[in-house]
C-alpha atoms as a PDB file:
ATOM      1  CA  MET A   1      -4.331   3.371  40.184  1.00  0.00           C
ATOM      2  CA  THR A   2      -3.407   3.557  36.498  1.00  0.00           C
ATOM      3  CA  ARG A   3      -2.466   0.602  34.312  1.00  0.00           C
ATOM      4  CA  VAL A   4       0.233   1.327  31.712  1.00  0.00           C
ATOM      5  CA  LEU A   5      -0.083  -0.720  28.534  1.00  0.00           C
ATOM      6  CA  THR A   6       2.880  -0.747  26.169  1.00  0.00           C
ATOM      7  CA  ARG A   7       2.917  -2.028  22.600  1.00  0.00           C
ATOM      8  CA  SER A   8       3.875  -5.529  23.717  1.00  0.00           C
ATOM      9  CA  ASP A   9       1.209  -5.472  26.445  1.00  0.00           C
ATOM     10  CA  LEU A  10      -1.440  -4.515  23.892  1.00  0.00           C
ATOM     11  CA  HIS A  11      -0.350  -7.230  21.476  1.00  0.00           C
ATOM     12  CA  ALA A  12      -0.744  -9.702  24.336  1.00  0.00           C
ATOM     13  CA  VAL A  13      -4.385  -8.795  25.058  1.00  0.00           C
ATOM     14  CA  LEU A  14      -5.892  -7.602  21.768  1.00  0.00           C
ATOM     15  CA  GLU A  15      -7.562 -10.164  19.513  1.00  0.00           C
ATOM     16  CA  PRO A  16      -8.783  -9.294  15.987  1.00  0.00           C
ATOM     17  CA  GLN A  17     -12.222 -10.924  16.027  1.00  0.00           C
ATOM     18  CA  ALA A  18     -13.142  -9.500  19.444  1.00  0.00           C
ATOM     19  CA  CYS A  19     -11.952  -6.056  18.347  1.00  0.00           C
ATOM     20  CA  LEU A  20     -13.945  -6.323  15.101  1.00  0.00           C
ATOM     21  CA  ALA A  21     -17.059  -7.102  17.146  1.00  0.00           C
ATOM     22  CA  ALA A  22     -16.436  -4.059  19.364  1.00  0.00           C
ATOM     23  CA  LEU A  23     -16.004  -1.809  16.316  1.00  0.00           C
ATOM     24  CA  ARG A  24     -19.105  -3.210  14.606  1.00  0.00           C
ATOM     25  CA  ASP A  25     -21.178  -2.482  17.724  1.00  0.00           C
ATOM     26  CA  GLY A  26     -19.664   0.990  17.918  1.00  0.00           C
ATOM     27  CA  PHE A  27     -20.553   1.882  14.341  1.00  0.00           C
ATOM     28  CA  ARG A  28     -24.163   0.898  15.037  1.00  0.00           C
ATOM     29  CA  THR A  29     -24.541   2.950  18.229  1.00  0.00           C
ATOM     30  CA  ALA A  30     -21.911   5.700  18.530  1.00  0.00           C
ATOM     31  CA  ASP A  31     -24.130   8.405  17.013  1.00  0.00           C
ATOM     32  CA  LEU A  32     -26.579   7.946  19.906  1.00  0.00           C
ATOM     33  CA  VAL A  33     -24.143   9.804  22.204  1.00  0.00           C
ATOM     34  CA  PRO A  34     -25.257  13.477  22.464  1.00  0.00           C
ATOM     35  CA  VAL A  35     -21.692  14.828  22.808  1.00  0.00           C
ATOM     36  CA  PRO A  36     -19.866  14.887  19.435  1.00  0.00           C
ATOM     37  CA  GLY A  37     -16.255  13.803  19.194  1.00  0.00           C
ATOM     38  CA  GLN A  38     -13.687  16.376  18.150  1.00  0.00           C
ATOM     39  CA  ARG A  39     -10.528  16.100  16.076  1.00  0.00           C
ATOM     40  CA  VAL A  40      -7.958  18.872  16.568  1.00  0.00           C
ATOM     41  CA  ARG A  41      -4.816  19.023  14.436  1.00  0.00           C
ATOM     42  CA  THR A  42      -1.966  21.508  14.368  1.00  0.00           C
ATOM     43  CA  ASP A  43       1.340  21.936  12.591  1.00  0.00           C
ATOM     44  CA  LEU A  44       4.402  22.188  14.818  1.00  0.00           C
ATOM     45  CA  PRO A  45       7.567  24.333  14.594  1.00  0.00           C
ATOM     46  CA  PHE A  46       9.357  21.005  14.066  1.00  0.00           C
ATOM     47  CA  PRO A  47       9.103  18.506  11.166  1.00  0.00           C
ATOM     48  CA  GLY A  48       5.823  17.030  12.377  1.00  0.00           C
ATOM     49  CA  THR A  49       2.195  17.519  13.371  1.00  0.00           C
ATOM     50  CA  ALA A  50       0.139  16.992  16.518  1.00  0.00           C
ATOM     51  CA  THR A  51      -3.418  15.669  16.664  1.00  0.00           C
ATOM     52  CA  ALA A  52      -5.851  15.220  19.559  1.00  0.00           C
ATOM     53  CA  LEU A  53      -9.062  13.162  19.458  1.00  0.00           C
ATOM     54  CA  LEU A  54     -11.541  13.701  22.280  1.00  0.00           C
ATOM     55  CA  PRO A  55     -13.737  12.648  23.880  1.00  0.00           C
ATOM     56  CA  GLY A  56     -14.074   9.019  22.804  1.00  0.00           C
ATOM     57  CA  LEU A  57     -17.584   8.061  23.935  1.00  0.00           C
ATOM     58  CA  LEU A  58     -19.970   5.135  23.459  1.00  0.00           C
ATOM     59  CA  PRO A  59     -23.504   4.880  24.884  1.00  0.00           C
ATOM     60  CA  SER A  60     -22.773   1.571  26.617  1.00  0.00           C
ATOM     61  CA  ALA A  61     -19.507   2.631  28.315  1.00  0.00           C
ATOM     62  CA  GLU A  62     -18.985   4.537  31.577  1.00  0.00           C
ATOM     63  CA  ALA A  63     -15.600   5.673  30.335  1.00  0.00           C
ATOM     64  CA  TYR A  64     -14.045   8.026  27.797  1.00  0.00           C
ATOM     65  CA  THR A  65     -10.732   8.521  26.020  1.00  0.00           C
ATOM     66  CA  VAL A  66      -8.471  11.421  25.148  1.00  0.00           C
ATOM     67  CA  LYS A  67      -5.771  10.725  22.541  1.00  0.00           C
ATOM     68  CA  ALA A  68      -2.706  12.834  21.772  1.00  0.00           C
ATOM     69  CA  ASN A  69      -0.591  11.843  18.758  1.00  0.00           C
ATOM     70  CA  THR A  70       2.425  13.270  16.980  1.00  0.00           C
ATOM     71  CA  LYS A  71       3.402  12.379  13.412  1.00  0.00           C
ATOM     72  CA  PHE A  72       7.017  12.869  12.361  1.00  0.00           C
ATOM     73  CA  PRO A  73       7.235  11.349   8.854  1.00  0.00           C
ATOM     74  CA  ALA A  74      11.010  10.818   8.929  1.00  0.00           C
ATOM     75  CA  ALA A  75      10.972   9.017  12.283  1.00  0.00           C
ATOM     76  CA  ARG A  76      10.515   5.292  12.882  1.00  0.00           C
ATOM     77  CA  PRO A  77       7.910   4.812  14.129  1.00  0.00           C
ATOM     78  CA  ALA A  78       6.410   7.934  12.597  1.00  0.00           C
ATOM     79  CA  LEU A  79       3.386   7.933  14.918  1.00  0.00           C
ATOM     80  CA  ARG A  80       3.912   8.329  18.670  1.00  0.00           C
ATOM     81  CA  GLY A  81       1.568   9.242  21.475  1.00  0.00           C
ATOM     82  CA  VAL A  82      -0.678   8.136  24.275  1.00  0.00           C
ATOM     83  CA  ILE A  83      -4.338   7.371  24.890  1.00  0.00           C
ATOM     84  CA  CYS A  84      -5.759   8.247  28.295  1.00  0.00           C
ATOM     85  CA  LEU A  85      -8.673   6.039  29.363  1.00  0.00           C
ATOM     86  CA  HIS A  86     -10.754   7.720  32.079  1.00  0.00           C
ATOM     87  CA  SER A  87     -13.629   6.571  34.232  1.00  0.00           C
ATOM     88  CA  GLY A  88     -16.871   8.299  33.333  1.00  0.00           C
ATOM     89  CA  VAL A  89     -17.935   8.160  36.987  1.00  0.00           C
ATOM     90  CA  ASP A  90     -15.193  10.223  38.630  1.00  0.00           C
ATOM     91  CA  GLY A  91     -12.591  10.895  35.933  1.00  0.00           C
ATOM     92  CA  GLU A  92     -10.060   8.435  37.371  1.00  0.00           C
ATOM     93  CA  LEU A  93      -7.243   7.711  34.908  1.00  0.00           C
ATOM     94  CA  LEU A  94      -7.736   3.984  34.409  1.00  0.00           C
ATOM     95  CA  ALA A  95      -5.042   3.387  31.809  1.00  0.00           C
ATOM     96  CA  LEU A  96      -2.335   4.923  29.665  1.00  0.00           C
ATOM     97  CA  LEU A  97      -2.017   3.088  26.351  1.00  0.00           C
ATOM     98  CA  ASP A  98       0.439   3.308  23.457  1.00  0.00           C
ATOM     99  CA  SER A  99      -1.569   5.211  20.859  1.00  0.00           C
ATOM    100  CA  ALA A 100       0.345   3.951  17.816  1.00  0.00           C
ATOM    101  CA  THR A 101      -0.705   0.377  18.557  1.00  0.00           C
ATOM    102  CA  VAL A 102      -4.332   1.173  19.330  1.00  0.00           C
ATOM    103  CA  THR A 103      -4.566   3.455  16.285  1.00  0.00           C
ATOM    104  CA  ALA A 104      -3.181   0.776  13.965  1.00  0.00           C
ATOM    105  CA  TRP A 105      -5.597  -1.830  15.344  1.00  0.00           C
ATOM    106  CA  ARG A 106      -8.718   0.302  15.276  1.00  0.00           C
ATOM    107  CA  THR A 107      -7.946   1.854  11.887  1.00  0.00           C
ATOM    108  CA  GLY A 108      -6.911  -1.390  10.235  1.00  0.00           C
ATOM    109  CA  LEU A 109      -9.788  -3.443  11.612  1.00  0.00           C
ATOM    110  CA  ALA A 110     -12.367  -0.743  10.863  1.00  0.00           C
ATOM    111  CA  ALA A 111     -10.967  -0.794   7.321  1.00  0.00           C
ATOM    112  CA  ALA A 112     -11.464  -4.565   7.228  1.00  0.00           C
ATOM    113  CA  LEU A 113     -15.051  -4.110   8.379  1.00  0.00           C
ATOM    114  CA  GLY A 114     -15.829  -1.487   5.734  1.00  0.00           C
ATOM    115  CA  THR A 115     -14.067  -3.487   3.034  1.00  0.00           C
ATOM    116  CA  ALA A 116     -15.978  -6.673   3.836  1.00  0.00           C
ATOM    117  CA  LEU A 117     -19.298  -4.793   3.681  1.00  0.00           C
ATOM    118  CA  LEU A 118     -18.623  -3.051   0.349  1.00  0.00           C
ATOM    119  CA  ALA A 119     -16.406  -5.467  -1.596  1.00  0.00           C
ATOM    120  CA  PRO A 120     -17.825  -7.423  -4.531  1.00  0.00           C
ATOM    121  CA  PRO A 121     -19.167 -10.841  -3.478  1.00  0.00           C
ATOM    122  CA  ALA A 122     -16.673 -13.700  -3.548  1.00  0.00           C
ATOM    123  CA  TYR A 123     -13.764 -11.499  -4.629  1.00  0.00           C
ATOM    124  CA  GLU A 124     -10.516 -13.356  -5.108  1.00  0.00           C
ATOM    125  CA  VAL A 125      -7.592 -10.910  -5.245  1.00  0.00           C
ATOM    126  CA  LEU A 126      -6.802  -8.307  -2.578  1.00  0.00           C
ATOM    127  CA  GLY A 127      -4.335  -5.560  -3.438  1.00  0.00           C
ATOM    128  CA  VAL A 128      -2.403  -3.614  -0.797  1.00  0.00           C
ATOM    129  CA  ILE A 129      -0.686  -0.297  -1.481  1.00  0.00           C
ATOM    130  CA  GLY A 130       1.352   0.718   1.558  1.00  0.00           C
ATOM    131  CA  ALA A 131       2.531  -2.232   3.637  1.00  0.00           C
ATOM    132  CA  GLY A 132       2.505  -0.670   7.102  1.00  0.00           C
ATOM    133  CA  ALA A 133       0.874  -1.490  10.420  1.00  0.00           C
ATOM    134  CA  GLN A 134      -2.633  -0.394   9.422  1.00  0.00           C
ATOM    135  CA  ALA A 135      -2.586  -2.529   6.273  1.00  0.00           C
ATOM    136  CA  GLU A 136      -1.296  -5.450   8.348  1.00  0.00           C
ATOM    137  CA  LEU A 137      -4.290  -5.302  10.683  1.00  0.00           C
ATOM    138  CA  ALA A 138      -6.739  -4.809   7.819  1.00  0.00           C
ATOM    139  CA  VAL A 139      -5.449  -7.941   6.094  1.00  0.00           C
ATOM    140  CA  ARG A 140      -5.578  -9.921   9.334  1.00  0.00           C
ATOM    141  CA  GLY A 141      -9.190  -8.833   9.783  1.00  0.00           C
ATOM    142  CA  LEU A 142     -10.094  -9.794   6.217  1.00  0.00           C
ATOM    143  CA  TYR A 143      -8.329 -13.146   6.384  1.00  0.00           C
ATOM    144  CA  GLY A 144     -10.318 -13.911   9.516  1.00  0.00           C
ATOM    145  CA  ASP A 145     -13.398 -13.544   7.319  1.00  0.00           C
ATOM    146  CA  GLY A 146     -12.154 -16.453   5.196  1.00  0.00           C
ATOM    147  CA  ARG A 147     -10.912 -14.486   2.186  1.00  0.00           C
ATOM    148  CA  PRO A 148      -9.242 -13.380  -0.095  1.00  0.00           C
ATOM    149  CA  ARG A 149      -7.545 -16.230  -1.972  1.00  0.00           C
ATOM    150  CA  GLU A 150      -4.677 -14.148  -3.374  1.00  0.00           C
ATOM    151  CA  LEU A 151      -2.791 -11.020  -2.280  1.00  0.00           C
ATOM    152  CA  VAL A 152      -0.634  -8.568  -4.232  1.00  0.00           C
ATOM    153  CA  VAL A 153       1.283  -5.728  -2.598  1.00  0.00           C
ATOM    154  CA  HIS A 154       3.277  -2.621  -3.450  1.00  0.00           C
ATOM    155  CA  ASP A 155       5.217  -0.282  -1.182  1.00  0.00           C
ATOM    156  CA  THR A 156       7.801   2.392  -1.915  1.00  0.00           C
ATOM    157  CA  ASP A 157      10.027   0.411   0.463  1.00  0.00           C
ATOM    158  CA  SER A 158      10.589  -2.787  -1.518  1.00  0.00           C
ATOM    159  CA  GLY A 159      11.952  -4.644   1.510  1.00  0.00           C
ATOM    160  CA  ARG A 160       8.849  -3.898   3.556  1.00  0.00           C
ATOM    161  CA  ALA A 161       6.647  -5.008   0.653  1.00  0.00           C
ATOM    162  CA  ALA A 162       8.574  -8.287   0.392  1.00  0.00           C
ATOM    163  CA  GLU A 163       8.226  -8.961   4.127  1.00  0.00           C
ATOM    164  CA  PHE A 164       4.495  -8.201   3.992  1.00  0.00           C
ATOM    165  CA  ALA A 165       3.996 -10.494   1.017  1.00  0.00           C
ATOM    166  CA  ALA A 166       5.959 -13.286   2.710  1.00  0.00           C
ATOM    167  CA  ARG A 167       3.856 -13.061   5.875  1.00  0.00           C
ATOM    168  CA  HIS A 168       0.603 -13.359   3.941  1.00  0.00           C
ATOM    169  CA  GLY A 169       1.543 -15.639   1.067  1.00  0.00           C
ATOM    170  CA  GLY A 170       1.306 -12.858  -1.518  1.00  0.00           C
ATOM    171  CA  LYS A 171       3.506 -11.388  -4.213  1.00  0.00           C
ATOM    172  CA  VAL A 172       5.095  -7.988  -4.749  1.00  0.00           C
ATOM    173  CA  LEU A 173       4.165  -5.809  -7.736  1.00  0.00           C
ATOM    174  CA  ALA A 174       6.163  -2.902  -9.100  1.00  0.00           C
ATOM    175  CA  SER A 175       3.608  -0.081  -8.819  1.00  0.00           C
ATOM    176  CA  ALA A 176       0.274   1.049  -7.410  1.00  0.00           C
ATOM    177  CA  ARG A 177      -1.196   0.852 -10.920  1.00  0.00           C
ATOM    178  CA  ALA A 178      -0.041  -2.763 -11.251  1.00  0.00           C
ATOM    179  CA  VAL A 179      -1.848  -3.583  -8.011  1.00  0.00           C
ATOM    180  CA  ALA A 180      -5.051  -1.946  -9.289  1.00  0.00           C
ATOM    181  CA  ARG A 181      -4.842  -3.905 -12.545  1.00  0.00           C
ATOM    182  CA  ALA A 182      -4.455  -7.222 -10.696  1.00  0.00           C
ATOM    183  CA  ALA A 183      -6.882  -6.876  -7.763  1.00  0.00           C
ATOM    184  CA  ASP A 184     -10.636  -6.966  -7.238  1.00  0.00           C
ATOM    185  CA  VAL A 185     -10.307  -5.053  -3.955  1.00  0.00           C
ATOM    186  CA  VAL A 186      -7.567  -2.491  -3.231  1.00  0.00           C
ATOM    187  CA  LEU A 187      -6.549  -1.274   0.230  1.00  0.00           C
ATOM    188  CA  LEU A 188      -4.472   1.922   0.288  1.00  0.00           C
ATOM    189  CA  ALA A 189      -2.675   2.883   3.511  1.00  0.00           C
ATOM    190  CA  THR A 190      -0.115   5.555   2.627  1.00  0.00           C
ATOM    191  CA  TRP A 191       0.808   9.143   3.416  1.00  0.00           C
ATOM    192  CA  SER A 192       0.613  10.192  -0.234  1.00  0.00           C
ATOM    193  CA  ARG A 193      -0.230  13.795  -1.047  1.00  0.00           C
ATOM    194  CA  THR A 194      -0.723  13.145  -4.753  1.00  0.00           C
ATOM    195  CA  PRO A 195      -3.283  10.623  -6.077  1.00  0.00           C
ATOM    196  CA  LEU A 196      -1.870   7.151  -6.621  1.00  0.00           C
ATOM    197  CA  LEU A 197      -4.780   5.877  -8.746  1.00  0.00           C
ATOM    198  CA  ALA A 198      -6.988   7.613 -11.301  1.00  0.00           C
ATOM    199  CA  LEU A 199     -10.258   6.391 -12.753  1.00  0.00           C
ATOM    200  CA  ALA A 200      -8.409   5.140 -15.856  1.00  0.00           C
ATOM    201  CA  ASP A 201      -6.260   2.858 -13.665  1.00  0.00           C
ATOM    202  CA  THR A 202      -9.320   0.997 -12.361  1.00  0.00           C
ATOM    203  CA  CYS A 203     -11.972  -1.418 -13.599  1.00  0.00           C
ATOM    204  CA  ALA A 204     -15.738  -1.508 -13.195  1.00  0.00           C
ATOM    205  CA  GLY A 205     -16.817  -3.414 -10.106  1.00  0.00           C
ATOM    206  CA  GLN A 206     -13.685  -2.798  -8.029  1.00  0.00           C
ATOM    207  CA  HIS A 207     -13.706  -1.664  -4.405  1.00  0.00           C
ATOM    208  CA  PHE A 208     -11.145   0.690  -2.856  1.00  0.00           C
ATOM    209  CA  THR A 209     -10.547   1.353   0.843  1.00  0.00           C
ATOM    210  CA  SER A 210      -8.470   4.510   1.274  1.00  0.00           C
ATOM    211  CA  LEU A 211      -6.958   5.062   4.723  1.00  0.00           C
ATOM    212  CA  GLY A 212      -4.770   8.000   3.690  1.00  0.00           C
ATOM    213  CA  THR A 213      -7.586  10.545   3.943  1.00  0.00           C
ATOM    214  CA  ASP A 214      -7.389  11.343   7.648  1.00  0.00           C
ATOM    215  CA  GLU A 215      -5.974  14.848   7.450  1.00  0.00           C
ATOM    216  CA  PRO A 216      -5.899  17.802   5.023  1.00  0.00           C
ATOM    217  CA  GLY A 217      -3.634  17.385   2.027  1.00  0.00           C
ATOM    218  CA  LYS A 218      -3.421  13.589   1.967  1.00  0.00           C
ATOM    219  CA  ARG A 219      -4.670  12.124  -1.322  1.00  0.00           C
ATOM    220  CA  GLU A 220      -4.662   8.521  -2.555  1.00  0.00           C
ATOM    221  CA  LEU A 221      -7.455   8.439  -5.169  1.00  0.00           C
ATOM    222  CA  GLY A 222      -7.996  10.869  -8.029  1.00  0.00           C
ATOM    223  CA  PRO A 223     -11.065  13.149  -8.053  1.00  0.00           C
ATOM    224  CA  GLU A 224     -12.608  11.549 -11.143  1.00  0.00           C
ATOM    225  CA  LEU A 225     -12.532   8.144  -9.434  1.00  0.00           C
ATOM    226  CA  LEU A 226     -14.128   9.572  -6.294  1.00  0.00           C
ATOM    227  CA  ASP A 227     -16.818  11.290  -8.378  1.00  0.00           C
ATOM    228  CA  ALA A 228     -17.646   8.078 -10.236  1.00  0.00           C
ATOM    229  CA  ALA A 229     -17.742   5.677  -7.280  1.00  0.00           C
ATOM    230  CA  LEU A 230     -20.215   4.879  -4.542  1.00  0.00           C
ATOM    231  CA  LEU A 231     -18.510   6.842  -1.753  1.00  0.00           C
ATOM    232  CA  VAL A 232     -18.899   5.715   1.874  1.00  0.00           C
ATOM    233  CA  VAL A 233     -17.307   7.537   4.833  1.00  0.00           C
ATOM    234  CA  ASP A 234     -17.332   7.181   8.594  1.00  0.00           C
ATOM    235  CA  ASP A 235     -18.408  10.792   9.314  1.00  0.00           C
ATOM    236  CA  ARG A 236     -19.928  13.182   6.771  1.00  0.00           C
ATOM    237  CA  GLU A 237     -18.838  16.429   8.419  1.00  0.00           C
ATOM    238  CA  LEU A 238     -15.236  15.372   8.990  1.00  0.00           C
ATOM    239  CA  ALA A 239     -14.987  13.893   5.495  1.00  0.00           C
ATOM    240  CA  ALA A 240     -16.050  17.261   4.086  1.00  0.00           C
ATOM    241  CA  ARG A 241     -13.880  19.357   6.379  1.00  0.00           C
ATOM    242  CA  THR A 242     -10.623  17.412   6.588  1.00  0.00           C
ATOM    243  CA  GLY A 243     -11.076  14.102   4.770  1.00  0.00           C
ATOM    244  CA  VAL A 244     -11.763  12.723   1.315  1.00  0.00           C
ATOM    245  CA  LEU A 245     -14.324  15.379   0.315  1.00  0.00           C
ATOM    246  CA  SER A 246     -11.867  18.205   0.981  1.00  0.00           C
ATOM    247  CA  ALA A 247      -9.782  17.084  -2.026  1.00  0.00           C
ATOM    248  CA  PRO A 248      -9.406  19.644  -4.839  1.00  0.00           C
ATOM    249  CA  GLY A 249     -11.017  18.949  -8.204  1.00  0.00           C
ATOM    250  CA  LEU A 250     -14.058  17.061  -6.923  1.00  0.00           C
ATOM    251  CA  ILE A 251     -17.456  17.684  -8.484  1.00  0.00           C
ATOM    252  CA  ARG A 252     -19.363  15.948  -5.707  1.00  0.00           C
ATOM    253  CA  THR A 253     -19.780  17.664  -2.334  1.00  0.00           C
ATOM    254  CA  THR A 254     -21.313  14.865  -0.260  1.00  0.00           C
ATOM    255  CA  ALA A 255     -20.778  11.175   0.404  1.00  0.00           C
ATOM    256  CA  ASP A 256     -23.385   8.623  -0.634  1.00  0.00           C
ATOM    257  CA  ALA A 257     -23.529   6.942   2.778  1.00  0.00           C
ATOM    258  CA  THR A 258     -21.812   6.356   6.084  1.00  0.00           C
ATOM    259  CA  LEU A 259     -20.640   2.949   7.219  1.00  0.00           C
ATOM    260  CA  THR A 260     -23.205   3.179  10.029  1.00  0.00           C
ATOM    261  CA  GLU A 261     -26.003   3.504   7.455  1.00  0.00           C
ATOM    262  CA  VAL A 262     -24.723   0.463   5.562  1.00  0.00           C
ATOM    263  CA  LEU A 263     -24.432  -1.576   8.776  1.00  0.00           C
ATOM    264  CA  ARG A 264     -27.940  -0.616   9.886  1.00  0.00           C
ATOM    265  CA  GLY A 265     -29.370  -1.394   6.449  1.00  0.00           C
ATOM    266  CA  THR A 266     -30.652   2.132   5.864  1.00  0.00           C
ATOM    267  CA  HIS A 267     -28.385   2.308   2.808  1.00  0.00           C
ATOM    268  CA  PRO A 268     -27.962  -0.754   0.562  1.00  0.00           C
ATOM    269  CA  GLY A 269     -24.262  -0.253  -0.124  1.00  0.00           C
ATOM    270  CA  ARG A 270     -23.082  -1.727  -3.412  1.00  0.00           C
ATOM    271  CA  SER A 271     -26.077  -1.978  -5.764  1.00  0.00           C
ATOM    272  CA  SER A 272     -24.676  -3.507  -8.968  1.00  0.00           C
ATOM    273  CA  ALA A 273     -21.865  -5.772 -10.109  1.00  0.00           C
ATOM    274  CA  GLY A 274     -20.268  -3.053 -12.210  1.00  0.00           C
ATOM    275  CA  GLN A 275     -20.337  -0.338  -9.569  1.00  0.00           C
ATOM    276  CA  ARG A 276     -17.042   0.984  -8.232  1.00  0.00           C
ATOM    277  CA  SER A 277     -17.072   1.672  -4.485  1.00  0.00           C
ATOM    278  CA  VAL A 278     -14.790   3.585  -2.124  1.00  0.00           C
ATOM    279  CA  TYR A 279     -14.609   3.545   1.658  1.00  0.00           C
ATOM    280  CA  ALA A 280     -12.610   6.550   2.890  1.00  0.00           C
ATOM    281  CA  PRO A 281     -12.693   6.975   6.688  1.00  0.00           C
ATOM    282  CA  VAL A 282     -11.181   9.751   8.771  1.00  0.00           C
ATOM    283  CA  GLY A 283     -11.082   7.838  12.074  1.00  0.00           C
ATOM    284  CA  LEU A 284     -13.292   8.725  15.037  1.00  0.00           C
ATOM    285  CA  PRO A 285     -12.647   9.189  18.774  1.00  0.00           C
ATOM    286  CA  TRP A 286     -15.100   6.470  19.853  1.00  0.00           C
ATOM    287  CA  GLN A 287     -12.974   3.898  18.018  1.00  0.00           C
ATOM    288  CA  ASP A 288     -10.118   4.640  20.435  1.00  0.00           C
ATOM    289  CA  LEU A 289     -12.496   4.015  23.332  1.00  0.00           C
ATOM    290  CA  ALA A 290     -13.856   0.764  21.896  1.00  0.00           C
ATOM    291  CA  LEU A 291     -10.418  -0.840  21.700  1.00  0.00           C
ATOM    292  CA  SER A 292      -8.847   0.867  24.726  1.00  0.00           C
ATOM    293  CA  LEU A 293     -11.671  -0.248  26.998  1.00  0.00           C
ATOM    294  CA  PHE A 294     -11.442  -3.812  25.690  1.00  0.00           C
ATOM    295  CA  ALA A 295      -7.657  -3.818  26.143  1.00  0.00           C
ATOM    296  CA  TRP A 296      -7.865  -2.431  29.691  1.00  0.00           C
ATOM    297  CA  GLN A 297     -10.518  -4.938  30.740  1.00  0.00           C
ATOM    298  CA  GLU A 298      -8.476  -7.833  29.341  1.00  0.00           C
ATOM    299  CA  ALA A 299      -5.288  -6.494  30.953  1.00  0.00           C
ATOM    300  CA  GLU A 300      -7.064  -6.231  34.307  1.00  0.00           C
ATOM    301  CA  ARG A 301      -8.301  -9.801  33.938  1.00  0.00           C
ATOM    302  CA  GLN A 302      -4.939 -11.200  32.881  1.00  0.00           C
ATOM    303  CA  GLY A 303      -2.695  -9.014  35.032  1.00  0.00           C
ATOM    304  CA  VAL A 304      -0.887  -7.545  32.024  1.00  0.00           C
ATOM    305  CA  GLY A 305       0.978  -4.217  32.241  1.00  0.00           C
ATOM    306  CA  ALA A 306       2.469  -2.154  35.032  1.00  0.00           C
ATOM    307  CA  VAL A 307       0.235  -0.460  37.621  1.00  0.00           C
ATOM    308  CA  ILE A 308       1.301   2.937  38.922  1.00  0.00           C
ATOM    309  CA  ASP A 309      -0.068   5.576  41.263  1.00  0.00           C
ATOM    310  CA  LEU A 310       0.218   8.895  39.474  1.00  0.00           C
ATOM    311  CA  LEU A 311      -1.164  10.697  42.513  1.00  0.00           C
ATOM    312  CA  GLY A 312       1.313   9.100  44.908  1.00  0.00           C
END
């Protein structure tokens, strides 16, 4: 039997702090799995792209995921797809989950985790550039950590920025540069293909989390800023092949650390008050498993979602 979990079903069972704990555990252990995750992306003969992430594996889970997404930038929502959660014992399809919801939760909360680890101590002002679903979850994760005290936001859609600011008690600013001038920590979650911030737009000691580096061509931070900052990624190879390190104009060819190394303490992370830092993840298949497995287990316990027999 297969449990189908829609967006509303997932919102009923997912909880930010529990999901943060699952992601934190995953970052510490996912590289112990001998089978590497793969990310396959292709253009389509339509105005969109298709991406598959497989297999999502964790050493503690007898299950795996396969995710298929499409991105059609002009559509609302722009991201649509499905995550298949399979048993690792016999391949049974345990659940079909809305991938847009799981992707927003795992990406946004992983961003919150990386931001909290790399941000300057006791920062006061969080800036958001791109007020979509991923930024929403990142802010929820950060607010659960008891900070920040103030929020500023910019989005090319002024109405969406105003709604975001109203939900979180923040204020809207007129540009990405205005956000960078006002904030100690800046979260970028856009589809920009030209850099939104250059080194000259920033100040010493700031942290930047850039979520728009998950596929070739997407650029949120200028090369001189990336060269100057402590650069942390989630996967070195993917960052070099399709992520932040594939950007043109960079002098550097490698990241300084992975988030796993910072979590394990094998890299110190931020080392001085004046150091700029950047966290620029690509997004990894095991993250889909971490949240999909949690959601399925909670849905089974609570009786949430429809159950169907695909073999019937």
